[in-house]
Amino acid sequence: MAHDRPARVAEEFQHEVSAILTRGLKDPRVVGFITVTGARMSPDLREVTVYVSVHGDEAVKRKTVEGLTAATGFIQREAARNL
């Protein structure tokens, strides 16, 4: 039963990151349509990996991923605050 908790917490992170991205980021590089496709939480609940899909041509995808990478700290803080 204890192994279900990381999956449930990862699902909550997935929903929260999706909500943060829906509200929008101020980074002008984030221009593509982003879908949060999944999340994986470590068993000790210390690390989470969020998977995204970016729609658009290669230039848009590259710029959007750069913007998301730069906004990682902001997204982490917002998700932690809201959860």
C-alpha atoms as a PDB file:
ATOM      1  CA  MET A   1       0.000   0.000   0.000  1.00  0.00           C
ATOM      2  CA  ALA A   2       2.903   2.377   0.725  1.00  0.00           C
ATOM      3  CA  HIS A   3       4.055   2.171  -2.897  1.00  0.00           C
ATOM      4  CA  ASP A   4       0.874   3.916  -4.071  1.00  0.00           C
ATOM      5  CA  ARG A   5       1.751   7.175  -2.348  1.00  0.00           C
ATOM      6  CA  PRO A   6       4.514   8.265  -4.769  1.00  0.00           C
ATOM      7  CA  ALA A   7       2.144   7.672  -7.688  1.00  0.00           C
ATOM      8  CA  ARG A   8      -0.621   9.726  -6.049  1.00  0.00           C
ATOM      9  CA  VAL A   9       1.751  12.584  -5.179  1.00  0.00           C
ATOM     10  CA  ALA A  10       3.184  12.515  -8.721  1.00  0.00           C
ATOM     11  CA  GLU A  11      -0.339  12.802 -10.124  1.00  0.00           C
ATOM     12  CA  GLU A  12      -0.999  15.830  -7.905  1.00  0.00           C
ATOM     13  CA  PHE A  13       2.254  17.433  -9.108  1.00  0.00           C
ATOM     14  CA  GLN A  14       1.225  16.740 -12.688  1.00  0.00           C
ATOM     15  CA  HIS A  15      -2.088  18.534 -12.170  1.00  0.00           C
ATOM     16  CA  GLU A  16      -0.451  21.423 -10.335  1.00  0.00           C
ATOM     17  CA  VAL A  17       2.254  21.971 -12.968  1.00  0.00           C
ATOM     18  CA  SER A  18      -0.440  21.851 -15.629  1.00  0.00           C
ATOM     19  CA  ALA A  19      -2.393  24.530 -13.760  1.00  0.00           C
ATOM     20  CA  ILE A  20       0.723  26.704 -13.408  1.00  0.00           C
ATOM     21  CA  LEU A  21       1.419  26.442 -17.128  1.00  0.00           C
ATOM     22  CA  THR A  22      -2.224  27.206 -17.903  1.00  0.00           C
ATOM     23  CA  ARG A  23      -2.000  30.430 -15.896  1.00  0.00           C
ATOM     24  CA  GLY A  24       1.035  31.258 -18.018  1.00  0.00           C
ATOM     25  CA  LEU A  25       4.669  32.129 -17.580  1.00  0.00           C
ATOM     26  CA  LYS A  26       6.161  35.542 -18.256  1.00  0.00           C
ATOM     27  CA  ASP A  27       9.092  34.101 -20.193  1.00  0.00           C
ATOM     28  CA  PRO A  28       8.686  35.151 -23.847  1.00  0.00           C
ATOM     29  CA  ARG A  29      10.396  31.947 -24.993  1.00  0.00           C
ATOM     30  CA  VAL A  30       7.450  29.842 -23.827  1.00  0.00           C
ATOM     31  CA  VAL A  31       5.300  30.179 -26.937  1.00  0.00           C
ATOM     32  CA  GLY A  32       4.419  26.588 -27.860  1.00  0.00           C
ATOM     33  CA  PHE A  33       1.347  24.652 -26.823  1.00  0.00           C
ATOM     34  CA  ILE A  34       2.449  22.594 -23.793  1.00  0.00           C
ATOM     35  CA  THR A  35       0.827  19.413 -22.529  1.00  0.00           C
ATOM     36  CA  VAL A  36       1.901  17.847 -19.240  1.00  0.00           C
ATOM     37  CA  THR A  37       1.947  14.154 -20.115  1.00  0.00           C
ATOM     38  CA  GLY A  38       3.026  12.605 -16.837  1.00  0.00           C
ATOM     39  CA  ALA A  39       5.043  12.749 -13.656  1.00  0.00           C
ATOM     40  CA  ARG A  40       7.174  10.298 -11.726  1.00  0.00           C
ATOM     41  CA  MET A  41       7.939  10.677  -8.015  1.00  0.00           C
ATOM     42  CA  SER A  42      10.862   9.025  -6.265  1.00  0.00           C
ATOM     43  CA  PRO A  43       9.922   6.509  -3.548  1.00  0.00           C
ATOM     44  CA  ASP A  44      11.195   8.861  -0.816  1.00  0.00           C
ATOM     45  CA  LEU A  45       9.055  11.742  -2.219  1.00  0.00           C
ATOM     46  CA  ARG A  46      12.087  14.033  -2.600  1.00  0.00           C
ATOM     47  CA  GLU A  47      12.319  14.257  -6.387  1.00  0.00           C
ATOM     48  CA  VAL A  48       9.722  14.483  -9.108  1.00  0.00           C
ATOM     49  CA  THR A  49      10.196  14.341 -12.861  1.00  0.00           C
ATOM     50  CA  VAL A  50       7.487  15.975 -14.931  1.00  0.00           C
ATOM     51  CA  TYR A  51       7.116  15.044 -18.591  1.00  0.00           C
ATOM     52  CA  VAL A  52       5.826  17.565 -21.109  1.00  0.00           C
ATOM     53  CA  SER A  53       4.977  17.565 -24.781  1.00  0.00           C
ATOM     54  CA  VAL A  54       5.480  20.754 -26.791  1.00  0.00           C
ATOM     55  CA  HIS A  55       3.541  21.175 -30.027  1.00  0.00           C
ATOM     56  CA  GLY A  56       4.900  23.265 -32.882  1.00  0.00           C
ATOM     57  CA  ASP A  57       7.810  23.307 -35.277  1.00  0.00           C
ATOM     58  CA  GLU A  58      11.356  22.550 -34.125  1.00  0.00           C
ATOM     59  CA  ALA A  59      12.273  26.194 -33.466  1.00  0.00           C
ATOM     60  CA  VAL A  60       9.189  26.709 -31.293  1.00  0.00           C
ATOM     61  CA  LYS A  61       9.842  23.468 -29.416  1.00  0.00           C
ATOM     62  CA  ARG A  62      13.478  24.402 -28.751  1.00  0.00           C
ATOM     63  CA  LYS A  63      12.628  27.913 -27.515  1.00  0.00           C
ATOM     64  CA  THR A  64       9.780  26.638 -25.350  1.00  0.00           C
ATOM     65  CA  VAL A  65      11.955  23.960 -23.725  1.00  0.00           C
ATOM     66  CA  GLU A  66      14.638  26.596 -23.036  1.00  0.00           C
ATOM     67  CA  GLY A  67      12.013  28.811 -21.402  1.00  0.00           C
ATOM     68  CA  LEU A  68      10.636  25.944 -19.316  1.00  0.00           C
ATOM     69  CA  THR A  69      14.133  24.989 -18.210  1.00  0.00           C
ATOM     70  CA  ALA A  70      14.793  28.571 -17.129  1.00  0.00           C
ATOM     71  CA  ALA A  71      11.464  28.655 -15.250  1.00  0.00           C
ATOM     72  CA  THR A  72      12.081  25.388 -13.387  1.00  0.00           C
ATOM     73  CA  GLY A  73      12.760  27.109 -10.041  1.00  0.00           C
ATOM     74  CA  PHE A  74       9.614  29.221 -10.312  1.00  0.00           C
ATOM     75  CA  ILE A  75       7.489  26.190 -11.226  1.00  0.00           C
ATOM     76  CA  GLN A  76       8.938  24.205  -8.308  1.00  0.00           C
ATOM     77  CA  ARG A  77       8.207  26.996  -5.824  1.00  0.00           C
ATOM     78  CA  GLU A  78       4.665  27.519  -7.078  1.00  0.00           C
ATOM     79  CA  ALA A  79       3.873  23.798  -7.062  1.00  0.00           C
ATOM     80  CA  ALA A  80       5.297  23.356  -3.556  1.00  0.00           C
ATOM     81  CA  ARG A  81       3.394  26.379  -2.278  1.00  0.00           C
ATOM     82  CA  ASN A  82       0.086  25.205  -3.762  1.00  0.00           C
ATOM     83  CA  LEU A  83       0.431  21.599  -2.666  1.00  0.00           C
END
